[in-house]
PDB file of N, CA and C in Angstrom:
ATOM      1  N   MET A   1      22.112  -1.909  28.108  1.00  0.00           N
ATOM      2  CA  MET A   1      21.434  -1.250  27.016  1.00  0.00           C
ATOM      3  C   MET A   1      21.025   0.169  27.408  1.00  0.00           C
ATOM      4  N   ASP A   2      20.601   0.335  28.656  1.00  0.00           N
ATOM      5  CA  ASP A   2      20.236   1.680  29.116  1.00  0.00           C
ATOM      6  C   ASP A   2      21.407   2.648  28.984  1.00  0.00           C
ATOM      7  N   ARG A   3      22.600   2.185  29.314  1.00  0.00           N
ATOM      8  CA  ARG A   3      23.781   3.044  29.212  1.00  0.00           C
ATOM      9  C   ARG A   3      24.069   3.402  27.756  1.00  0.00           C
ATOM     10  N   LYS A   4      23.961   2.443  26.862  1.00  0.00           N
ATOM     11  CA  LYS A   4      24.223   2.691  25.441  1.00  0.00           C
ATOM     12  C   LYS A   4      23.175   3.615  24.822  1.00  0.00           C
ATOM     13  N   MET A   5      21.950   3.559  25.325  1.00  0.00           N
ATOM     14  CA  MET A   5      20.860   4.361  24.765  1.00  0.00           C
ATOM     15  C   MET A   5      20.716   5.731  25.427  1.00  0.00           C
ATOM     16  N   ALA A   6      21.478   5.997  26.468  1.00  0.00           N
ATOM     17  CA  ALA A   6      21.377   7.279  27.174  1.00  0.00           C
ATOM     18  C   ALA A   6      21.572   8.436  26.198  1.00  0.00           C
ATOM     19  N   ASN A   7      20.651   9.380  26.230  1.00  0.00           N
ATOM     20  CA  ASN A   7      20.699  10.587  25.395  1.00  0.00           C
ATOM     21  C   ASN A   7      20.560  10.320  23.902  1.00  0.00           C
ATOM     22  N   ARG A   8      20.085   9.144  23.537  1.00  0.00           N
ATOM     23  CA  ARG A   8      19.840   8.821  22.132  1.00  0.00           C
ATOM     24  C   ARG A   8      18.354   8.640  21.908  1.00  0.00           C
ATOM     25  N   LYS A   9      17.933   8.933  20.699  1.00  0.00           N
ATOM     26  CA  LYS A   9      16.528   8.788  20.341  1.00  0.00           C
ATOM     27  C   LYS A   9      16.353   7.506  19.525  1.00  0.00           C
ATOM     28  N   LEU A  10      15.426   6.655  19.927  1.00  0.00           N
ATOM     29  CA  LEU A  10      15.110   5.442  19.176  1.00  0.00           C
ATOM     30  C   LEU A  10      14.124   5.802  18.073  1.00  0.00           C
ATOM     31  N   ILE A  11      14.496   5.483  16.846  1.00  0.00           N
ATOM     32  CA  ILE A  11      13.598   5.658  15.713  1.00  0.00           C
ATOM     33  C   ILE A  11      13.378   4.272  15.112  1.00  0.00           C
ATOM     34  N   ARG A  12      12.135   3.835  15.124  1.00  0.00           N
ATOM     35  CA  ARG A  12      11.823   2.525  14.552  1.00  0.00           C
ATOM     36  C   ARG A  12      12.134   2.538  13.060  1.00  0.00           C
ATOM     37  N   LEU A  13      12.639   1.440  12.576  1.00  0.00           N
ATOM     38  CA  LEU A  13      12.999   1.333  11.169  1.00  0.00           C
ATOM     39  C   LEU A  13      11.800   1.634  10.273  1.00  0.00           C
ATOM     40  N   SER A  14      10.612   1.199  10.682  1.00  0.00           N
ATOM     41  CA  SER A  14       9.407   1.437   9.884  1.00  0.00           C
ATOM     42  C   SER A  14       9.000   2.905   9.885  1.00  0.00           C
ATOM     43  N   GLN A  15       9.555   3.716  10.786  1.00  0.00           N
ATOM     44  CA  GLN A  15       9.251   5.144  10.851  1.00  0.00           C
ATOM     45  C   GLN A  15      10.355   6.007  10.241  1.00  0.00           C
ATOM     46  N   LEU A  16      11.422   5.388   9.811  1.00  0.00           N
ATOM     47  CA  LEU A  16      12.599   6.134   9.366  1.00  0.00           C
ATOM     48  C   LEU A  16      12.296   7.075   8.206  1.00  0.00           C
ATOM     49  N   LYS A  17      11.555   6.608   7.214  1.00  0.00           N
ATOM     50  CA  LYS A  17      11.259   7.450   6.053  1.00  0.00           C
ATOM     51  C   LYS A  17      10.497   8.703   6.465  1.00  0.00           C
ATOM     52  N   SER A  18       9.483   8.563   7.290  1.00  0.00           N
ATOM     53  CA  SER A  18       8.710   9.740   7.700  1.00  0.00           C
ATOM     54  C   SER A  18       9.530  10.656   8.606  1.00  0.00           C
ATOM     55  N   LYS A  19      10.383  10.086   9.446  1.00  0.00           N
ATOM     56  CA  LYS A  19      11.245  10.901  10.316  1.00  0.00           C
ATOM     57  C   LYS A  19      12.267  11.681   9.495  1.00  0.00           C
ATOM     58  N   LEU A  20      12.806  11.067   8.448  1.00  0.00           N
ATOM     59  CA  LEU A  20      13.764  11.757   7.588  1.00  0.00           C
ATOM     60  C   LEU A  20      13.115  12.955   6.898  1.00  0.00           C
ATOM     61  N   ALA A  21      11.840  12.820   6.544  1.00  0.00           N
ATOM     62  CA  ALA A  21      11.132  13.916   5.884  1.00  0.00           C
ATOM     63  C   ALA A  21      10.768  15.034   6.862  1.00  0.00           C
ATOM     64  N   ALA A  22      10.542  14.679   8.121  1.00  0.00           N
ATOM     65  CA  ALA A  22      10.035  15.654   9.087  1.00  0.00           C
ATOM     66  C   ALA A  22      11.109  16.284   9.962  1.00  0.00           C
ATOM     67  N   GLU A  23      12.231  15.606  10.162  1.00  0.00           N
ATOM     68  CA  GLU A  23      13.246  16.085  11.100  1.00  0.00           C
ATOM     69  C   GLU A  23      14.622  16.090  10.444  1.00  0.00           C
ATOM     70  N   ASN A  24      15.506  16.914  10.973  1.00  0.00           N
ATOM     71  CA  ASN A  24      16.899  16.916  10.534  1.00  0.00           C
ATOM     72  C   ASN A  24      17.657  15.945  11.438  1.00  0.00           C
ATOM     73  N   LEU A  25      17.765  14.700  11.007  1.00  0.00           N
ATOM     74  CA  LEU A  25      18.364  13.665  11.844  1.00  0.00           C
ATOM     75  C   LEU A  25      19.872  13.829  12.004  1.00  0.00           C
ATOM     76  N   GLU A  26      20.473  14.686  11.195  1.00  0.00           N
ATOM     77  CA  GLU A  26      21.905  14.937  11.345  1.00  0.00           C
ATOM     78  C   GLU A  26      22.206  15.670  12.645  1.00  0.00           C
ATOM     79  N   GLU A  27      21.211  16.315  13.207  1.00  0.00           N
ATOM     80  CA  GLU A  27      21.407  17.069  14.449  1.00  0.00           C
ATOM     81  C   GLU A  27      20.994  16.276  15.683  1.00  0.00           C
ATOM     82  N   ILE A  28      20.563  15.036  15.498  1.00  0.00           N
ATOM     83  CA  ILE A  28      20.066  14.202  16.593  1.00  0.00           C
ATOM     84  C   ILE A  28      20.940  12.962  16.713  1.00  0.00           C
ATOM     85  N   ASP A  29      21.244  12.565  17.935  1.00  0.00           N
ATOM     86  CA  ASP A  29      21.937  11.300  18.171  1.00  0.00           C
ATOM     87  C   ASP A  29      20.856  10.218  18.252  1.00  0.00           C
ATOM     88  N   TRP A  30      20.685   9.448  17.182  1.00  0.00           N
ATOM     89  CA  TRP A  30      19.599   8.492  17.109  1.00  0.00           C
ATOM     90  C   TRP A  30      20.127   7.100  16.777  1.00  0.00           C
ATOM     91  N   VAL A  31      19.279   6.115  17.015  1.00  0.00           N
ATOM     92  CA  VAL A  31      19.629   4.726  16.763  1.00  0.00           C
ATOM     93  C   VAL A  31      18.390   4.003  16.261  1.00  0.00           C
ATOM     94  N   THR A  32      18.611   2.964  15.475  1.00  0.00           N
ATOM     95  CA  THR A  32      17.518   2.114  15.017  1.00  0.00           C
ATOM     96  C   THR A  32      17.974   0.664  15.085  1.00  0.00           C
ATOM     97  N   PHE A  33      17.027  -0.232  15.064  1.00  0.00           N
ATOM     98  CA  PHE A  33      17.313  -1.665  15.083  1.00  0.00           C
ATOM     99  C   PHE A  33      16.592  -2.316  13.921  1.00  0.00           C
ATOM    100  N   GLY A  34      17.187  -3.338  13.349  1.00  0.00           N
ATOM    101  CA  GLY A  34      16.536  -4.051  12.261  1.00  0.00           C
ATOM    102  C   GLY A  34      16.918  -5.512  12.273  1.00  0.00           C
ATOM    103  N   VAL A  35      16.054  -6.304  11.682  1.00  0.00           N
ATOM    104  CA  VAL A  35      16.265  -7.737  11.521  1.00  0.00           C
ATOM    105  C   VAL A  35      16.511  -7.993  10.036  1.00  0.00           C
ATOM    106  N   ILE A  36      17.502  -8.800   9.727  1.00  0.00           N
ATOM    107  CA  ILE A  36      17.753  -9.149   8.333  1.00  0.00           C
ATOM    108  C   ILE A  36      16.639 -10.105   7.896  1.00  0.00           C
ATOM    109  N   VAL A  37      15.768  -9.631   6.997  1.00  0.00           N
ATOM    110  CA  VAL A  37      14.665 -10.464   6.535  1.00  0.00           C
ATOM    111  C   VAL A  37      14.945 -11.070   5.165  1.00  0.00           C
ATOM    112  N   LYS A  38      15.917 -10.516   4.447  1.00  0.00           N
ATOM    113  CA  LYS A  38      16.284 -11.068   3.144  1.00  0.00           C
ATOM    114  C   LYS A  38      17.718 -10.687   2.833  1.00  0.00           C
ATOM    115  N   LYS A  39      18.435 -11.625   2.254  1.00  0.00           N
ATOM    116  CA  LYS A  39      19.798 -11.361   1.800  1.00  0.00           C
ATOM    117  C   LYS A  39      19.868 -11.712   0.324  1.00  0.00           C
ATOM    118  N   ILE A  40      20.476 -10.823  -0.440  1.00  0.00           N
ATOM    119  CA  ILE A  40      20.682 -11.086  -1.861  1.00  0.00           C
ATOM    120  C   ILE A  40      22.103 -11.608  -2.027  1.00  0.00           C
ATOM    121  N   THR A  41      22.268 -12.601  -2.867  1.00  0.00           N
ATOM    122  CA  THR A  41      23.590 -13.174  -3.122  1.00  0.00           C
ATOM    123  C   THR A  41      24.572 -12.064  -3.452  1.00  0.00           C
ATOM    124  N   PRO A  42      25.784 -12.097  -2.854  1.00  0.00           N
ATOM    125  CA  PRO A  42      26.762 -11.042  -3.136  1.00  0.00           C
ATOM    126  C   PRO A  42      26.908 -10.783  -4.637  1.00  0.00           C
ATOM    127  N   GLN A  43      27.020  -9.504  -4.962  1.00  0.00           N
ATOM    128  CA  GLN A  43      27.102  -9.038  -6.347  1.00  0.00           C
ATOM    129  C   GLN A  43      28.467  -8.409  -6.604  1.00  0.00           C
ATOM    130  N   SER A  44      28.814  -8.270  -7.885  1.00  0.00           N
ATOM    131  CA  SER A  44      30.037  -7.562  -8.260  1.00  0.00           C
ATOM    132  C   SER A  44      29.671  -6.225  -8.865  1.00  0.00           C
ATOM    133  N   ALA A  45      30.297  -5.175  -8.367  1.00  0.00           N
ATOM    134  CA  ALA A  45      30.083  -3.833  -8.904  1.00  0.00           C
ATOM    135  C   ALA A  45      30.862  -3.682 -10.205  1.00  0.00           C
ATOM    136  N   ASN A  46      30.622  -2.598 -10.925  1.00  0.00           N
ATOM    137  CA  ASN A  46      31.327  -2.341 -12.188  1.00  0.00           C
ATOM    138  C   ASN A  46      32.835  -2.284 -12.013  1.00  0.00           C
ATOM    139  N   ASN A  47      33.283  -1.876 -10.812  1.00  0.00           N
ATOM    140  CA  ASN A  47      34.720  -1.789 -10.557  1.00  0.00           C
ATOM    141  C   ASN A  47      35.313  -3.127 -10.122  1.00  0.00           C
ATOM    142  N   GLY A  48      34.477  -4.192 -10.093  1.00  0.00           N
ATOM    143  CA  GLY A  48      34.955  -5.530  -9.752  1.00  0.00           C
ATOM    144  C   GLY A  48      34.898  -5.860  -8.276  1.00  0.00           C
ATOM    145  N   ARG A  49      34.549  -4.888  -7.446  1.00  0.00           N
ATOM    146  CA  ARG A  49      34.477  -5.136  -6.008  1.00  0.00           C
ATOM    147  C   ARG A  49      33.140  -5.774  -5.662  1.00  0.00           C
ATOM    148  N   THR A  50      33.167  -6.673  -4.699  1.00  0.00           N
ATOM    149  CA  THR A  50      31.967  -7.398  -4.295  1.00  0.00           C
ATOM    150  C   THR A  50      31.237  -6.650  -3.190  1.00  0.00           C
ATOM    151  N   PHE A  51      29.910  -6.716  -3.225  1.00  0.00           N
ATOM    152  CA  PHE A  51      29.091  -6.101  -2.188  1.00  0.00           C
ATOM    153  C   PHE A  51      27.876  -6.973  -1.911  1.00  0.00           C
ATOM    154  N   SER A  52      27.225  -6.710  -0.786  1.00  0.00           N
ATOM    155  CA  SER A  52      26.020  -7.445  -0.397  1.00  0.00           C
ATOM    156  C   SER A  52      24.873  -6.471  -0.211  1.00  0.00           C
ATOM    157  N   ILE A  53      23.664  -6.979  -0.333  1.00  0.00           N
ATOM    158  CA  ILE A  53      22.469  -6.195  -0.059  1.00  0.00           C
ATOM    159  C   ILE A  53      21.609  -6.975   0.921  1.00  0.00           C
ATOM    160  N   TRP A  54      21.248  -6.317   2.009  1.00  0.00           N
ATOM    161  CA  TRP A  54      20.346  -6.890   3.003  1.00  0.00           C
ATOM    162  C   TRP A  54      19.062  -6.088   3.013  1.00  0.00           C
ATOM    163  N   ARG A  55      17.946  -6.760   3.234  1.00  0.00           N
ATOM    164  CA  ARG A  55      16.675  -6.080   3.487  1.00  0.00           C
ATOM    165  C   ARG A  55      16.403  -6.197   4.973  1.00  0.00           C
ATOM    166  N   LEU A  56      16.201  -5.053   5.622  1.00  0.00           N
ATOM    167  CA  LEU A  56      15.992  -4.996   7.059  1.00  0.00           C
ATOM    168  C   LEU A  56      14.570  -4.566   7.372  1.00  0.00           C
ATOM    169  N   ASN A  57      14.045  -5.079   8.489  1.00  0.00           N
ATOM    170  CA  ASN A  57      12.700  -4.739   8.929  1.00  0.00           C
ATOM    171  C   ASN A  57      12.694  -4.732  10.445  1.00  0.00           C
ATOM    172  N   ASP A  58      11.781  -3.956  11.046  1.00  0.00           N
ATOM    173  CA  ASP A  58      11.691  -3.921  12.512  1.00  0.00           C
ATOM    174  C   ASP A  58      10.604  -4.855  13.049  1.00  0.00           C
ATOM    175  N   LEU A  59       9.995  -5.644  12.176  1.00  0.00           N
ATOM    176  CA  LEU A  59       8.954  -6.624  12.508  1.00  0.00           C
ATOM    177  C   LEU A  59       7.673  -5.977  13.028  1.00  0.00           C
ATOM    178  N   ARG A  60       7.566  -4.680  12.908  1.00  0.00           N
ATOM    179  CA  ARG A  60       6.340  -3.992  13.284  1.00  0.00           C
ATOM    180  C   ARG A  60       5.443  -3.820  12.060  1.00  0.00           C
ATOM    181  N   ASP A  61       6.026  -3.438  10.943  1.00  0.00           N
ATOM    182  CA  ASP A  61       5.296  -3.270   9.686  1.00  0.00           C
ATOM    183  C   ASP A  61       6.098  -3.991   8.611  1.00  0.00           C
ATOM    184  N   LEU A  62       5.670  -5.182   8.246  1.00  0.00           N
ATOM    185  CA  LEU A  62       6.435  -6.017   7.316  1.00  0.00           C
ATOM    186  C   LEU A  62       6.487  -5.456   5.896  1.00  0.00           C
ATOM    187  N   ASN A  63       5.695  -4.428   5.617  1.00  0.00           N
ATOM    188  CA  ASN A  63       5.733  -3.791   4.302  1.00  0.00           C
ATOM    189  C   ASN A  63       6.772  -2.677   4.230  1.00  0.00           C
ATOM    190  N   GLN A  64       7.332  -2.284   5.354  1.00  0.00           N
ATOM    191  CA  GLN A  64       8.320  -1.208   5.407  1.00  0.00           C
ATOM    192  C   GLN A  64       9.710  -1.806   5.630  1.00  0.00           C
ATOM    193  N   CYS A  65      10.463  -1.964   4.560  1.00  0.00           N
ATOM    194  CA  CYS A  65      11.827  -2.493   4.658  1.00  0.00           C
ATOM    195  C   CYS A  65      12.823  -1.440   4.207  1.00  0.00           C
ATOM    196  N   VAL A  66      14.035  -1.593   4.680  1.00  0.00           N
ATOM    197  CA  VAL A  66      15.144  -0.733   4.287  1.00  0.00           C
ATOM    198  C   VAL A  66      16.206  -1.630   3.667  1.00  0.00           C
ATOM    199  N   SER A  67      16.740  -1.209   2.533  1.00  0.00           N
ATOM    200  CA  SER A  67      17.833  -1.954   1.902  1.00  0.00           C
ATOM    201  C   SER A  67      19.152  -1.387   2.388  1.00  0.00           C
ATOM    202  N   LEU A  68      20.021  -2.266   2.820  1.00  0.00           N
ATOM    203  CA  LEU A  68      21.340  -1.879   3.319  1.00  0.00           C
ATOM    204  C   LEU A  68      22.392  -2.487   2.400  1.00  0.00           C
ATOM    205  N   PHE A  69      23.233  -1.638   1.837  1.00  0.00           N
ATOM    206  CA  PHE A  69      24.291  -2.089   0.941  1.00  0.00           C
ATOM    207  C   PHE A  69      25.593  -2.160   1.731  1.00  0.00           C
ATOM    208  N   LEU A  70      26.276  -3.291   1.667  1.00  0.00           N
ATOM    209  CA  LEU A  70      27.528  -3.491   2.399  1.00  0.00           C
ATOM    210  C   LEU A  70      28.675  -3.554   1.403  1.00  0.00           C
ATOM    211  N   PHE A  71      29.645  -2.667   1.565  1.00  0.00           N
ATOM    212  CA  PHE A  71      30.806  -2.597   0.685  1.00  0.00           C
ATOM    213  C   PHE A  71      32.096  -2.761   1.484  1.00  0.00           C
ATOM    214  N   GLY A  72      33.181  -3.020   0.789  1.00  0.00           N
ATOM    215  CA  GLY A  72      34.517  -3.012   1.379  1.00  0.00           C
ATOM    216  C   GLY A  72      34.680  -3.936   2.563  1.00  0.00           C
ATOM    217  N   ASP A  73      35.327  -3.409   3.620  1.00  0.00           N
ATOM    218  CA  ASP A  73      35.604  -4.210   4.814  1.00  0.00           C
ATOM    219  C   ASP A  73      34.327  -4.664   5.509  1.00  0.00           C
ATOM    220  N   VAL A  74      33.278  -3.836   5.450  1.00  0.00           N
ATOM    221  CA  VAL A  74      32.012  -4.215   6.082  1.00  0.00           C
ATOM    222  C   VAL A  74      31.443  -5.447   5.385  1.00  0.00           C
ATOM    223  N   HIS A  75      31.480  -5.457   4.062  1.00  0.00           N
ATOM    224  CA  HIS A  75      31.023  -6.639   3.314  1.00  0.00           C
ATOM    225  C   HIS A  75      31.874  -7.856   3.683  1.00  0.00           C
ATOM    226  N   LYS A  76      33.184  -7.700   3.662  1.00  0.00           N
ATOM    227  CA  LYS A  76      34.075  -8.827   3.959  1.00  0.00           C
ATOM    228  C   LYS A  76      33.832  -9.409   5.344  1.00  0.00           C
ATOM    229  N   GLU A  77      33.557  -8.552   6.315  1.00  0.00           N
ATOM    230  CA  GLU A  77      33.379  -9.004   7.689  1.00  0.00           C
ATOM    231  C   GLU A  77      31.993  -9.592   7.952  1.00  0.00           C
ATOM    232  N   HIS A  78      30.970  -9.092   7.256  1.00  0.00           N
ATOM    233  CA  HIS A  78      29.601  -9.445   7.633  1.00  0.00           C
ATOM    234  C   HIS A  78      28.783 -10.199   6.591  1.00  0.00           C
ATOM    235  N   TRP A  79      29.305 -10.484   5.401  1.00  0.00           N
ATOM    236  CA  TRP A  79      28.468 -11.044   4.349  1.00  0.00           C
ATOM    237  C   TRP A  79      27.889 -12.415   4.701  1.00  0.00           C
ATOM    238  N   LYS A  80      28.501 -13.123   5.617  1.00  0.00           N
ATOM    239  CA  LYS A  80      27.993 -14.444   6.007  1.00  0.00           C
ATOM    240  C   LYS A  80      26.964 -14.375   7.158  1.00  0.00           C
ATOM    241  N   THR A  81      26.633 -13.182   7.631  1.00  0.00           N
ATOM    242  CA  THR A  81      25.661 -13.042   8.718  1.00  0.00           C
ATOM    243  C   THR A  81      24.339 -13.677   8.292  1.00  0.00           C
ATOM    244  N   ASP A  82      23.743 -14.428   9.190  1.00  0.00           N
ATOM    245  CA  ASP A  82      22.521 -15.177   8.892  1.00  0.00           C
ATOM    246  C   ASP A  82      21.284 -14.290   8.832  1.00  0.00           C
ATOM    247  N   LYS A  83      20.368 -14.673   7.952  1.00  0.00           N
ATOM    248  CA  LYS A  83      19.047 -14.048   7.918  1.00  0.00           C
ATOM    249  C   LYS A  83      18.399 -14.276   9.282  1.00  0.00           C
ATOM    250  N   GLY A  84      17.685 -13.292   9.779  1.00  0.00           N
ATOM    251  CA  GLY A  84      17.072 -13.369  11.100  1.00  0.00           C
ATOM    252  C   GLY A  84      17.901 -12.722  12.193  1.00  0.00           C
ATOM    253  N   THR A  85      19.108 -12.330  11.873  1.00  0.00           N
ATOM    254  CA  THR A  85      19.978 -11.676  12.839  1.00  0.00           C
ATOM    255  C   THR A  85      19.535 -10.236  13.052  1.00  0.00           C
ATOM    256  N   VAL A  86      19.597  -9.766  14.294  1.00  0.00           N
ATOM    257  CA  VAL A  86      19.258  -8.375  14.611  1.00  0.00           C
ATOM    258  C   VAL A  86      20.514  -7.534  14.495  1.00  0.00           C
TER     259      VAL A  86
END
């Protein structure tokens, strides 16, 4: 993990909104971690393609969640991932 995190900045998921407002994250090599706390049953978009929505949290502030939308190959590969997975 130390090798993978070398020269990267850890931003907690619960801090992401404030960091986005305060810093230009496009210029920083950063990483975040989240736990799937809720999964919504796969939905169909207007174009007929299926997608998933996950709610992620860092377990530090349970009121601060991020919604992650999975489309295309990412949806096909990961839609069965279990709630509670990091």
